[in-house]
C-alpha atoms as a PDB file:
ATOM      1  CA  MET A   1     -46.528-201.455-152.297  1.00  0.00           C
ATOM      2  CA  PRO A   2     -45.097-198.923-154.739  1.00  0.00           C
ATOM      3  CA  PHE A   3     -43.298-195.732-154.036  1.00  0.00           C
ATOM      4  CA  VAL A   4     -46.565-192.569-154.369  1.00  0.00           C
ATOM      5  CA  ILE A   5     -45.743-189.183-155.127  1.00  0.00           C
ATOM      6  CA  ASP A   6     -47.933-186.748-153.465  1.00  0.00           C
ATOM      7  CA  PHE A   7     -48.091-183.482-153.429  1.00  0.00           C
ATOM      8  CA  TRP A   8     -46.168-182.353-150.960  1.00  0.00           C
ATOM      9  CA  HIS A   9     -43.161-184.325-152.780  1.00  0.00           C
ATOM     10  CA  TRP A  10     -42.843-181.530-155.138  1.00  0.00           C
ATOM     11  CA  TRP A  11     -43.160-178.494-152.871  1.00  0.00           C
ATOM     12  CA  ILE A  12     -39.829-179.913-150.843  1.00  0.00           C
ATOM     13  CA  LEU A  13     -38.326-180.383-153.455  1.00  0.00           C
ATOM     14  CA  GLY A  14     -39.486-177.074-154.685  1.00  0.00           C
ATOM     15  CA  VAL A  15     -38.518-175.383-151.732  1.00  0.00           C
ATOM     16  CA  ALA A  16     -34.336-177.478-151.783  1.00  0.00           C
ATOM     17  CA  LEU A  17     -34.669-176.142-155.299  1.00  0.00           C
ATOM     18  CA  VAL A  18     -35.066-172.307-153.555  1.00  0.00           C
ATOM     19  CA  ILE A  19     -32.156-172.613-151.030  1.00  0.00           C
ATOM     20  CA  ILE A  20     -30.068-174.315-153.472  1.00  0.00           C
ATOM     21  CA  GLU A  21     -31.240-170.938-155.709  1.00  0.00           C
ATOM     22  CA  MET A  22     -29.472-169.348-152.729  1.00  0.00           C
ATOM     23  CA  LEU A  23     -26.477-170.400-152.399  1.00  0.00           C
ATOM     24  CA  LEU A  24     -25.716-170.653-155.805  1.00  0.00           C
ATOM     25  CA  PRO A  25     -26.999-167.453-156.977  1.00  0.00           C
ATOM     26  CA  THR A  26     -27.139-169.139-161.314  1.00  0.00           C
ATOM     27  CA  PHE A  27     -30.798-168.296-161.959  1.00  0.00           C
ATOM     28  CA  PHE A  28     -31.280-171.879-162.321  1.00  0.00           C
ATOM     29  CA  ALA A  29     -32.684-173.498-159.230  1.00  0.00           C
ATOM     30  CA  LEU A  30     -35.062-170.968-159.087  1.00  0.00           C
ATOM     31  CA  TRP A  31     -36.791-172.194-162.757  1.00  0.00           C
ATOM     32  CA  MET A  32     -37.009-175.751-161.661  1.00  0.00           C
ATOM     33  CA  GLY A  33     -38.134-174.919-157.640  1.00  0.00           C
ATOM     34  CA  ILE A  34     -40.862-172.467-159.596  1.00  0.00           C
ATOM     35  CA  ALA A  35     -41.482-175.921-161.735  1.00  0.00           C
ATOM     36  CA  SER A  36     -41.488-178.335-158.651  1.00  0.00           C
ATOM     37  CA  PHE A  37     -43.991-175.332-156.971  1.00  0.00           C
ATOM     38  CA  ILE A  38     -46.559-176.135-159.801  1.00  0.00           C
ATOM     39  CA  THR A  39     -45.915-179.775-160.281  1.00  0.00           C
ATOM     40  CA  GLY A  40     -46.712-180.076-156.706  1.00  0.00           C
ATOM     41  CA  LEU A  41     -50.664-177.705-157.685  1.00  0.00           C
ATOM     42  CA  VAL A  42     -51.486-179.844-160.221  1.00  0.00           C
ATOM     43  CA  LEU A  43     -51.113-183.093-158.398  1.00  0.00           C
ATOM     44  CA  TRP A  44     -53.102-181.277-155.690  1.00  0.00           C
ATOM     45  CA  VAL A  45     -55.785-180.465-158.684  1.00  0.00           C
ATOM     46  CA  PHE A  46     -55.215-184.243-160.127  1.00  0.00           C
ATOM     47  CA  PRO A  47     -54.044-186.496-157.842  1.00  0.00           C
ATOM     48  CA  GLU A  48     -54.792-189.703-160.277  1.00  0.00           C
ATOM     49  CA  LEU A  49     -51.768-188.186-162.146  1.00  0.00           C
ATOM     50  CA  SER A  50     -49.361-190.955-163.064  1.00  0.00           C
ATOM     51  CA  TRP A  51     -46.076-190.347-161.645  1.00  0.00           C
ATOM     52  CA  GLN A  52     -44.070-190.479-166.152  1.00  0.00           C
ATOM     53  CA  TYR A  53     -46.119-187.105-166.485  1.00  0.00           C
ATOM     54  CA  GLN A  54     -45.731-185.580-163.146  1.00  0.00           C
ATOM     55  CA  LEU A  55     -41.855-185.785-164.849  1.00  0.00           C
ATOM     56  CA  LEU A  56     -43.104-185.503-167.855  1.00  0.00           C
ATOM     57  CA  PHE A  57     -44.831-181.510-166.764  1.00  0.00           C
ATOM     58  CA  PHE A  58     -41.781-180.540-164.677  1.00  0.00           C
ATOM     59  CA  SER A  59     -39.412-181.097-166.976  1.00  0.00           C
ATOM     60  CA  VAL A  60     -41.414-179.344-169.799  1.00  0.00           C
ATOM     61  CA  LEU A  61     -41.739-176.445-167.531  1.00  0.00           C
ATOM     62  CA  SER A  62     -38.847-176.547-166.123  1.00  0.00           C
ATOM     63  CA  ILE A  63     -37.395-176.480-169.448  1.00  0.00           C
ATOM     64  CA  ILE A  64     -40.028-173.320-170.736  1.00  0.00           C
ATOM     65  CA  SER A  65     -39.584-172.157-167.901  1.00  0.00           C
ATOM     66  CA  ILE A  66     -34.941-171.751-168.086  1.00  0.00           C
ATOM     67  CA  PHE A  67     -35.636-170.305-172.078  1.00  0.00           C
ATOM     68  CA  ALA A  68     -37.945-167.703-170.808  1.00  0.00           C
ATOM     69  CA  TRP A  69     -36.410-166.378-168.502  1.00  0.00           C
ATOM     70  CA  ARG A  70     -32.990-166.394-170.759  1.00  0.00           C
ATOM     71  CA  GLN A  71     -34.863-164.479-173.262  1.00  0.00           C
ATOM     72  CA  TYR A  72     -36.447-162.382-171.328  1.00  0.00           C
ATOM     73  CA  TYR A  73     -33.189-161.403-169.765  1.00  0.00           C
ATOM     74  CA  LYS A  74     -31.262-161.107-173.045  1.00  0.00           C
ATOM     75  CA  GLU A  75     -34.284-158.547-174.373  1.00  0.00           C
ATOM     76  CA  HIS A  76     -34.507-155.954-170.462  1.00  0.00           C
ATOM     77  CA  PRO A  77     -30.928-156.159-169.302  1.00  0.00           C
ATOM     78  CA  LEU A  78     -30.321-155.070-165.849  1.00  0.00           C
ATOM     79  CA  THR A  79     -29.400-151.814-165.627  1.00  0.00           C
ATOM     80  CA  SER A  80     -27.595-150.146-162.698  1.00  0.00           C
ATOM     81  CA  ASP A  81     -27.110-146.208-162.051  1.00  0.00           C
ATOM     82  CA  GLN A  82     -23.593-146.619-161.492  1.00  0.00           C
ATOM     83  CA  PRO A  83     -22.581-149.316-163.266  1.00  0.00           C
ATOM     84  CA  ASN A  84     -18.423-148.774-162.738  1.00  0.00           C
ATOM     85  CA  LEU A  85     -18.928-149.788-159.009  1.00  0.00           C
ATOM     86  CA  ASN A  86     -16.476-152.255-158.934  1.00  0.00           C
ATOM     87  CA  ARG A  87     -14.718-151.340-161.607  1.00  0.00           C
ATOM     88  CA  ARG A  88     -12.388-148.287-159.920  1.00  0.00           C
ATOM     89  CA  GLY A  89      -9.822-148.009-162.827  1.00  0.00           C
ATOM     90  CA  GLU A  90     -13.409-147.033-165.518  1.00  0.00           C
ATOM     91  CA  GLN A  91     -14.076-144.263-162.437  1.00  0.00           C
ATOM     92  CA  TYR A  92     -11.478-142.504-163.676  1.00  0.00           C
ATOM     93  CA  ILE A  93     -11.799-142.790-167.618  1.00  0.00           C
ATOM     94  CA  GLY A  94     -12.610-139.041-168.699  1.00  0.00           C
ATOM     95  CA  ARG A  95     -10.793-137.304-166.113  1.00  0.00           C
ATOM     96  CA  VAL A  96      -7.919-135.137-166.212  1.00  0.00           C
ATOM     97  CA  VAL A  97      -4.639-134.739-164.165  1.00  0.00           C
ATOM     98  CA  THR A  98      -1.569-133.464-163.352  1.00  0.00           C
ATOM     99  CA  LEU A  99       1.530-135.884-163.546  1.00  0.00           C
ATOM    100  CA  GLN A 100       3.577-135.332-160.552  1.00  0.00           C
ATOM    101  CA  THR A 101       6.436-136.776-162.818  1.00  0.00           C
ATOM    102  CA  PRO A 102       7.296-137.254-166.189  1.00  0.00           C
ATOM    103  CA  ILE A 103       5.526-139.206-168.747  1.00  0.00           C
ATOM    104  CA  VAL A 104       9.269-141.482-171.067  1.00  0.00           C
ATOM    105  CA  ASP A 105       8.842-143.771-173.880  1.00  0.00           C
ATOM    106  CA  GLY A 106       5.882-143.134-173.540  1.00  0.00           C
ATOM    107  CA  VAL A 107       5.239-145.010-170.411  1.00  0.00           C
ATOM    108  CA  GLY A 108       4.669-143.271-166.627  1.00  0.00           C
ATOM    109  CA  LYS A 109       2.814-143.326-163.246  1.00  0.00           C
ATOM    110  CA  ILE A 110       0.388-141.223-162.390  1.00  0.00           C
ATOM    111  CA  LYS A 111      -1.386-141.228-159.081  1.00  0.00           C
ATOM    112  CA  LEU A 112      -4.512-140.831-157.662  1.00  0.00           C
ATOM    113  CA  ASP A 113      -6.269-140.864-154.493  1.00  0.00           C
ATOM    114  CA  ASP A 114      -4.400-143.572-153.002  1.00  0.00           C
ATOM    115  CA  SER A 115      -2.726-145.139-155.696  1.00  0.00           C
ATOM    116  CA  SER A 116      -0.531-145.546-157.847  1.00  0.00           C
ATOM    117  CA  TRP A 117      -1.575-146.774-161.769  1.00  0.00           C
ATOM    118  CA  LYS A 118       1.104-147.283-164.617  1.00  0.00           C
ATOM    119  CA  VAL A 119       0.345-144.849-167.749  1.00  0.00           C
ATOM    120  CA  GLU A 120       1.214-145.491-171.288  1.00  0.00           C
ATOM    121  CA  GLY A 121       0.914-142.014-173.287  1.00  0.00           C
ATOM    122  CA  PRO A 122       2.688-139.061-175.439  1.00  0.00           C
ATOM    123  CA  ASP A 123       5.509-138.299-173.615  1.00  0.00           C
ATOM    124  CA  CYS A 124       5.288-135.175-171.342  1.00  0.00           C
ATOM    125  CA  ASN A 125       6.544-133.543-168.835  1.00  0.00           C
ATOM    126  CA  ALA A 126       6.090-133.261-165.153  1.00  0.00           C
ATOM    127  CA  GLY A 127       3.308-130.283-164.165  1.00  0.00           C
ATOM    128  CA  GLN A 128       1.486-130.951-167.723  1.00  0.00           C
ATOM    129  CA  LYS A 129      -2.758-132.172-167.371  1.00  0.00           C
ATOM    130  CA  ILE A 130      -3.297-135.526-169.422  1.00  0.00           C
ATOM    131  CA  ARG A 131      -7.124-137.040-169.585  1.00  0.00           C
ATOM    132  CA  ILE A 132      -7.404-140.458-168.905  1.00  0.00           C
ATOM    133  CA  THR A 133      -8.753-141.338-172.260  1.00  0.00           C
ATOM    134  CA  ASP A 134      -9.410-145.711-171.875  1.00  0.00           C
ATOM    135  CA  LEU A 135      -7.838-148.586-169.014  1.00  0.00           C
ATOM    136  CA  HIS A 136      -6.129-151.558-170.192  1.00  0.00           C
ATOM    137  CA  ASN A 137      -6.094-154.083-168.121  1.00  0.00           C
ATOM    138  CA  VAL A 138      -4.869-152.379-164.806  1.00  0.00           C
ATOM    139  CA  VAL A 139      -2.546-149.376-167.062  1.00  0.00           C
ATOM    140  CA  PHE A 140      -4.379-145.914-168.552  1.00  0.00           C
ATOM    141  CA  LYS A 141      -4.469-145.248-171.856  1.00  0.00           C
ATOM    142  CA  VAL A 142      -3.113-140.776-171.455  1.00  0.00           C
ATOM    143  CA  GLU A 143      -3.677-137.637-173.682  1.00  0.00           C
ATOM    144  CA  ILE A 144      -2.528-134.802-173.432  1.00  0.00           C
ATOM    145  CA  ALA A 145      -5.076-131.957-171.884  1.00  0.00           C
ATOM    146  CA  ASP A 146      -6.215-129.043-173.596  1.00  0.00           C
END
């Protein structure tokens, strides 16, 4: 007896793909899972659909939905009210601080909150106010504040 693919097979595949998406969030398996649910729905409405057409429908729908999502995401990127939340160093850009130790030969250190940071900028004496202008890796670029 040949194996017959029923609508619920597609729904089980859809559930499995959504679970994979929850474990490995890539927005890839999600769209394939949705395509699987829709394929199962189409098969439920048209039960005489052969497995070749089912597979073709699933494949085309998966590809279309993945590319449509990528296009939508490019045009409507997610925005955050705190874009530097996990970028600690970038949160300090623009801040004016007072040097506790001098900058000598363009290199020095500053203490911000509970951490010491390496700085590069013009030579300055301790007590000088400096502005953090940029971050390169873990080194702040600074300038003398007015």
